[in-house]
């Protein structure tokens, strides 16, 4: 099942997640690294850059591609990408900078960088 293309706008400084981003009962969420946030701040045309709807939509789309990459990796290899792995797509090319697992909340958080 492919994640839907209609995505809510989320502030980029919070965990990015969609209800469809689930692997093996774990909710997958993403944080953007300081490096990415700095790039967004530079290109944003609004003062509250972290809520810029254009940047939010763009990066949520890029993160969705990363989720699809993670899901496919899990389906093919039975494990999740590790720190340092590149979630490659011609348009995204983001790298896993950090990964944390919360068994109590059943969440896995990937911090992405360029």
N, C-alpha and C. Protein backbone atom coordinates (compact mmCIF):
# COMPACT_ATOMS: atom_id res chain seq x y z
N UNK A 1 0.84 -1.18 0.00
CA UNK A 1 0.00 0.00 0.00
C UNK A 1 0.88 1.24 0.00
N UNK A 2 0.74 2.09 -1.01
CA UNK A 2 1.52 3.32 -1.10
C UNK A 2 0.92 4.38 -0.19
N UNK A 3 1.78 5.17 0.48
CA UNK A 3 1.26 6.28 1.28
C UNK A 3 0.50 7.26 0.39
N UNK A 4 -0.50 7.90 0.96
CA UNK A 4 -1.30 8.84 0.18
C UNK A 4 -0.48 10.06 -0.20
N UNK A 5 -0.95 10.76 -1.22
CA UNK A 5 -0.22 11.94 -1.66
C UNK A 5 -0.70 13.21 -0.98
N UNK A 6 -1.85 13.19 -0.31
CA UNK A 6 -2.29 14.36 0.44
C UNK A 6 -1.68 14.31 1.83
N UNK A 7 -0.89 15.32 2.12
CA UNK A 7 -0.14 15.32 3.36
C UNK A 7 -0.45 16.59 4.13
N UNK A 8 -0.62 16.49 5.43
CA UNK A 8 -0.84 17.71 6.20
C UNK A 8 0.45 18.50 6.30
N UNK A 9 0.33 19.82 6.42
CA UNK A 9 1.49 20.65 6.62
C UNK A 9 1.91 20.54 8.08
N UNK A 10 3.18 20.26 8.31
CA UNK A 10 3.71 20.11 9.65
C UNK A 10 4.89 21.06 9.81
N UNK A 11 5.05 21.68 10.97
CA UNK A 11 6.25 22.49 11.18
C UNK A 11 7.50 21.61 11.02
N UNK A 12 8.48 22.11 10.30
CA UNK A 12 9.66 21.31 9.98
C UNK A 12 10.58 21.06 11.16
N UNK A 13 10.40 21.78 12.26
CA UNK A 13 11.28 21.57 13.41
C UNK A 13 10.73 20.50 14.35
N UNK A 14 9.55 19.97 14.06
CA UNK A 14 8.97 18.89 14.85
C UNK A 14 9.21 17.57 14.13
N UNK A 15 8.88 16.47 14.80
CA UNK A 15 8.95 15.16 14.13
C UNK A 15 7.95 15.13 12.99
N UNK A 16 8.41 14.72 11.85
CA UNK A 16 7.54 14.59 10.68
C UNK A 16 7.03 13.16 10.64
N UNK A 17 5.72 13.02 10.52
CA UNK A 17 5.15 11.68 10.47
C UNK A 17 3.78 11.72 9.80
N UNK A 18 3.44 10.63 9.20
CA UNK A 18 2.12 10.40 8.64
C UNK A 18 1.59 9.11 9.24
N UNK A 19 0.28 8.99 9.33
CA UNK A 19 -0.31 7.79 9.94
C UNK A 19 0.04 6.53 9.16
N UNK A 20 0.34 6.65 7.87
CA UNK A 20 0.66 5.48 7.04
C UNK A 20 2.10 5.01 7.23
N UNK A 21 2.93 5.79 7.87
CA UNK A 21 4.34 5.42 8.01
C UNK A 21 4.51 4.44 9.16
N UNK A 22 4.21 3.19 8.88
CA UNK A 22 4.31 2.12 9.89
C UNK A 22 5.01 0.93 9.26
N UNK A 23 5.95 0.36 10.01
CA UNK A 23 6.64 -0.86 9.59
C UNK A 23 6.61 -1.81 10.78
N UNK A 24 6.02 -2.96 10.57
CA UNK A 24 5.99 -4.02 11.59
C UNK A 24 5.48 -3.46 12.94
N UNK A 25 4.38 -2.74 12.90
CA UNK A 25 3.71 -2.14 14.07
C UNK A 25 4.46 -0.97 14.69
N UNK A 26 5.61 -0.59 14.16
CA UNK A 26 6.33 0.58 14.67
C UNK A 26 6.01 1.80 13.80
N UNK A 27 5.67 2.90 14.46
CA UNK A 27 5.44 4.17 13.77
C UNK A 27 6.81 4.74 13.41
N UNK A 28 6.98 5.12 12.15
CA UNK A 28 8.24 5.70 11.69
C UNK A 28 8.06 7.21 11.63
N UNK A 29 9.01 7.93 12.22
CA UNK A 29 8.97 9.39 12.16
C UNK A 29 10.37 9.91 11.85
N UNK A 30 10.42 11.16 11.44
CA UNK A 30 11.67 11.73 10.98
C UNK A 30 11.91 13.10 11.61
N UNK A 31 13.17 13.38 11.87
CA UNK A 31 13.63 14.70 12.25
C UNK A 31 14.61 15.16 11.17
N UNK A 32 14.64 16.46 10.93
CA UNK A 32 15.59 17.02 9.98
C UNK A 32 16.79 17.56 10.74
N UNK A 33 17.98 17.31 10.23
CA UNK A 33 19.21 17.77 10.89
C UNK A 33 19.30 19.29 10.86
N UNK A 34 20.19 19.80 11.70
CA UNK A 34 20.44 21.24 11.72
C UNK A 34 20.90 21.73 10.36
N UNK A 35 21.67 20.92 9.67
CA UNK A 35 22.15 21.30 8.34
C UNK A 35 20.99 21.53 7.37
N UNK A 36 20.02 20.64 7.38
CA UNK A 36 18.85 20.79 6.51
C UNK A 36 18.03 22.00 6.94
N UNK A 37 17.82 22.15 8.25
CA UNK A 37 17.02 23.27 8.74
C UNK A 37 17.67 24.61 8.38
N UNK A 38 19.00 24.66 8.41
CA UNK A 38 19.71 25.88 8.02
C UNK A 38 19.48 26.18 6.54
N UNK A 39 19.51 25.16 5.70
CA UNK A 39 19.25 25.35 4.27
C UNK A 39 17.83 25.86 4.04
N UNK A 40 16.87 25.30 4.77
CA UNK A 40 15.48 25.73 4.62
C UNK A 40 15.33 27.18 5.05
N UNK A 41 15.96 27.53 6.17
CA UNK A 41 15.89 28.90 6.68
C UNK A 41 16.44 29.89 5.64
N UNK A 42 17.51 29.52 4.94
CA UNK A 42 18.12 30.40 3.94
C UNK A 42 17.22 30.63 2.74
N UNK A 43 16.49 29.60 2.31
CA UNK A 43 15.67 29.72 1.10
C UNK A 43 14.24 30.17 1.36
N UNK A 44 13.81 30.15 2.61
CA UNK A 44 12.44 30.51 2.93
C UNK A 44 12.20 32.01 2.73
N UNK A 45 11.02 32.32 2.26
CA UNK A 45 10.64 33.72 2.01
C UNK A 45 9.80 34.31 3.14
N UNK A 46 9.58 33.56 4.21
CA UNK A 46 8.76 34.04 5.31
C UNK A 46 9.57 34.05 6.60
N UNK A 47 9.17 34.91 7.52
CA UNK A 47 9.93 35.05 8.77
C UNK A 47 9.82 33.80 9.65
N UNK A 48 8.66 33.18 9.68
CA UNK A 48 8.53 31.93 10.43
C UNK A 48 8.81 30.75 9.49
N UNK A 49 10.05 30.67 9.05
CA UNK A 49 10.51 29.72 8.04
C UNK A 49 10.13 28.27 8.37
N UNK A 50 10.06 27.93 9.64
CA UNK A 50 9.77 26.56 10.05
C UNK A 50 8.32 26.18 9.79
N UNK A 51 7.47 27.15 9.50
CA UNK A 51 6.08 26.87 9.15
C UNK A 51 5.77 27.28 7.71
N UNK A 52 6.80 27.52 6.92
CA UNK A 52 6.63 27.89 5.52
C UNK A 52 5.93 26.74 4.80
N UNK A 53 4.71 26.96 4.27
CA UNK A 53 3.96 25.86 3.67
C UNK A 53 4.64 25.27 2.44
N UNK A 54 5.36 26.08 1.67
CA UNK A 54 6.05 25.56 0.49
C UNK A 54 7.21 24.66 0.91
N UNK A 55 8.01 25.14 1.85
CA UNK A 55 9.13 24.32 2.34
C UNK A 55 8.63 23.07 3.03
N UNK A 56 7.57 23.21 3.82
CA UNK A 56 7.01 22.04 4.51
C UNK A 56 6.56 20.98 3.52
N UNK A 57 5.81 21.39 2.52
CA UNK A 57 5.32 20.43 1.53
C UNK A 57 6.47 19.78 0.78
N UNK A 58 7.47 20.57 0.43
CA UNK A 58 8.62 20.04 -0.30
C UNK A 58 9.36 19.00 0.54
N UNK A 59 9.64 19.33 1.80
CA UNK A 59 10.40 18.41 2.63
C UNK A 59 9.58 17.22 3.10
N UNK A 60 8.28 17.38 3.29
CA UNK A 60 7.46 16.22 3.64
C UNK A 60 7.42 15.27 2.45
N UNK A 61 7.38 15.79 1.23
CA UNK A 61 7.45 14.93 0.05
C UNK A 61 8.78 14.18 0.01
N UNK A 62 9.88 14.89 0.29
CA UNK A 62 11.21 14.25 0.28
C UNK A 62 11.31 13.19 1.37
N UNK A 63 10.76 13.48 2.53
CA UNK A 63 10.80 12.52 3.64
C UNK A 63 9.91 11.32 3.32
N UNK A 64 8.81 11.54 2.63
CA UNK A 64 7.96 10.42 2.22
C UNK A 64 8.73 9.47 1.31
N UNK A 65 9.54 10.02 0.42
CA UNK A 65 10.38 9.18 -0.44
C UNK A 65 11.36 8.37 0.43
N UNK A 66 11.88 9.00 1.49
CA UNK A 66 12.78 8.29 2.41
C UNK A 66 12.05 7.16 3.11
N UNK A 67 10.81 7.40 3.53
CA UNK A 67 10.04 6.32 4.16
C UNK A 67 9.85 5.16 3.20
N UNK A 68 9.50 5.45 1.96
CA UNK A 68 9.32 4.39 0.97
C UNK A 68 10.62 3.60 0.81
N UNK A 69 11.75 4.29 0.82
CA UNK A 69 13.05 3.64 0.73
C UNK A 69 13.29 2.73 1.94
N UNK A 70 12.97 3.22 3.13
CA UNK A 70 13.14 2.42 4.36
C UNK A 70 12.25 1.20 4.32
N UNK A 71 11.00 1.40 3.93
CA UNK A 71 10.06 0.27 3.87
C UNK A 71 10.55 -0.79 2.87
N UNK A 72 11.02 -0.36 1.71
CA UNK A 72 11.50 -1.32 0.72
C UNK A 72 12.74 -2.05 1.22
N UNK A 73 13.63 -1.33 1.89
CA UNK A 73 14.83 -1.94 2.47
C UNK A 73 14.42 -3.02 3.48
N UNK A 74 13.44 -2.69 4.32
CA UNK A 74 12.96 -3.64 5.32
C UNK A 74 12.35 -4.87 4.65
N UNK A 75 11.56 -4.66 3.62
CA UNK A 75 10.94 -5.79 2.92
C UNK A 75 11.99 -6.68 2.25
N UNK A 76 13.05 -6.07 1.71
CA UNK A 76 14.07 -6.84 1.01
C UNK A 76 15.07 -7.53 1.93
N UNK A 77 15.46 -6.85 3.03
CA UNK A 77 16.54 -7.36 3.86
C UNK A 77 16.13 -7.75 5.28
N UNK A 78 14.91 -7.41 5.69
CA UNK A 78 14.43 -7.80 7.01
C UNK A 78 15.00 -6.98 8.16
N UNK A 79 15.67 -5.87 7.86
CA UNK A 79 16.19 -4.98 8.90
C UNK A 79 16.01 -3.55 8.42
N UNK A 80 16.30 -2.62 9.33
CA UNK A 80 16.16 -1.21 8.99
C UNK A 80 17.52 -0.61 8.68
N UNK A 81 17.55 0.44 7.88
CA UNK A 81 18.82 1.12 7.59
C UNK A 81 19.50 1.58 8.88
N UNK A 82 20.81 1.61 8.85
CA UNK A 82 21.62 2.01 10.00
C UNK A 82 22.12 3.44 9.83
N UNK A 83 22.69 3.97 10.89
CA UNK A 83 23.31 5.29 10.83
C UNK A 83 24.38 5.28 9.74
N UNK A 84 24.36 6.29 8.90
CA UNK A 84 25.32 6.38 7.80
C UNK A 84 24.79 5.88 6.48
N UNK A 85 23.69 5.12 6.50
CA UNK A 85 23.11 4.64 5.25
C UNK A 85 22.43 5.80 4.52
N UNK A 86 22.58 5.79 3.20
CA UNK A 86 21.95 6.82 2.38
C UNK A 86 20.64 6.27 1.86
N UNK A 87 19.58 7.04 2.09
CA UNK A 87 18.27 6.70 1.56
C UNK A 87 18.19 7.35 0.20
N UNK A 88 18.61 6.61 -0.79
CA UNK A 88 18.87 7.22 -2.09
C UNK A 88 17.64 7.27 -2.97
N UNK A 89 17.50 8.40 -3.58
CA UNK A 89 16.56 8.66 -4.64
C UNK A 89 17.19 9.82 -5.40
N UNK A 90 16.98 9.89 -6.68
CA UNK A 90 17.60 10.97 -7.47
C UNK A 90 17.27 12.35 -6.92
N UNK A 91 16.09 12.50 -6.33
CA UNK A 91 15.68 13.81 -5.84
C UNK A 91 16.02 14.07 -4.38
N UNK A 92 16.21 13.02 -3.58
CA UNK A 92 16.42 13.25 -2.15
C UNK A 92 17.86 13.00 -1.73
N UNK A 93 18.31 11.79 -1.79
CA UNK A 93 19.68 11.47 -1.41
C UNK A 93 20.00 11.81 0.04
N UNK A 94 19.05 11.64 0.96
CA UNK A 94 19.30 11.96 2.36
C UNK A 94 19.99 10.79 3.06
N UNK A 95 20.72 11.11 4.11
CA UNK A 95 21.48 10.12 4.85
C UNK A 95 20.92 10.00 6.27
N UNK A 96 20.96 8.79 6.82
CA UNK A 96 20.52 8.57 8.20
C UNK A 96 21.64 9.06 9.11
N UNK A 97 21.40 10.17 9.79
CA UNK A 97 22.39 10.74 10.71
C UNK A 97 22.28 10.11 12.09
N UNK A 98 21.06 9.75 12.49
CA UNK A 98 20.83 9.14 13.80
C UNK A 98 19.55 8.33 13.71
N UNK A 99 19.43 7.37 14.63
CA UNK A 99 18.24 6.53 14.68
C UNK A 99 17.97 6.20 16.13
N UNK A 100 16.74 6.40 16.57
CA UNK A 100 16.40 6.03 17.94
C UNK A 100 15.10 5.23 17.94
N UNK A 101 15.03 4.29 18.89
CA UNK A 101 13.90 3.39 18.97
C UNK A 101 13.28 3.52 20.36
N UNK A 102 11.97 3.73 20.40
CA UNK A 102 11.23 3.78 21.65
C UNK A 102 10.24 2.62 21.65
N UNK A 103 10.60 1.54 22.35
CA UNK A 103 9.75 0.36 22.39
C UNK A 103 8.43 0.59 23.08
N UNK A 104 8.42 1.48 24.09
CA UNK A 104 7.19 1.77 24.80
C UNK A 104 6.16 2.47 23.93
N UNK A 105 6.61 3.43 23.15
CA UNK A 105 5.72 4.17 22.26
C UNK A 105 5.63 3.53 20.87
N UNK A 106 6.43 2.48 20.65
CA UNK A 106 6.48 1.79 19.36
C UNK A 106 6.79 2.77 18.22
N UNK A 107 7.85 3.58 18.43
CA UNK A 107 8.27 4.51 17.39
C UNK A 107 9.75 4.34 17.09
N UNK A 108 10.08 4.58 15.85
CA UNK A 108 11.47 4.64 15.42
C UNK A 108 11.63 6.01 14.76
N UNK A 109 12.60 6.78 15.25
CA UNK A 109 12.84 8.12 14.74
C UNK A 109 14.16 8.13 13.99
N UNK A 110 14.11 8.53 12.75
CA UNK A 110 15.30 8.69 11.92
C UNK A 110 15.58 10.19 11.81
N UNK A 111 16.83 10.60 12.11
CA UNK A 111 17.26 11.96 11.86
C UNK A 111 17.96 11.96 10.52
N UNK A 112 17.50 12.80 9.61
CA UNK A 112 18.01 12.82 8.24
C UNK A 112 18.92 14.04 8.03
N UNK A 113 19.95 13.83 7.22
CA UNK A 113 20.86 14.91 6.85
C UNK A 113 21.14 14.81 5.36
N UNK A 114 21.84 15.80 4.84
CA UNK A 114 22.21 15.80 3.41
C UNK A 114 23.51 15.09 3.19
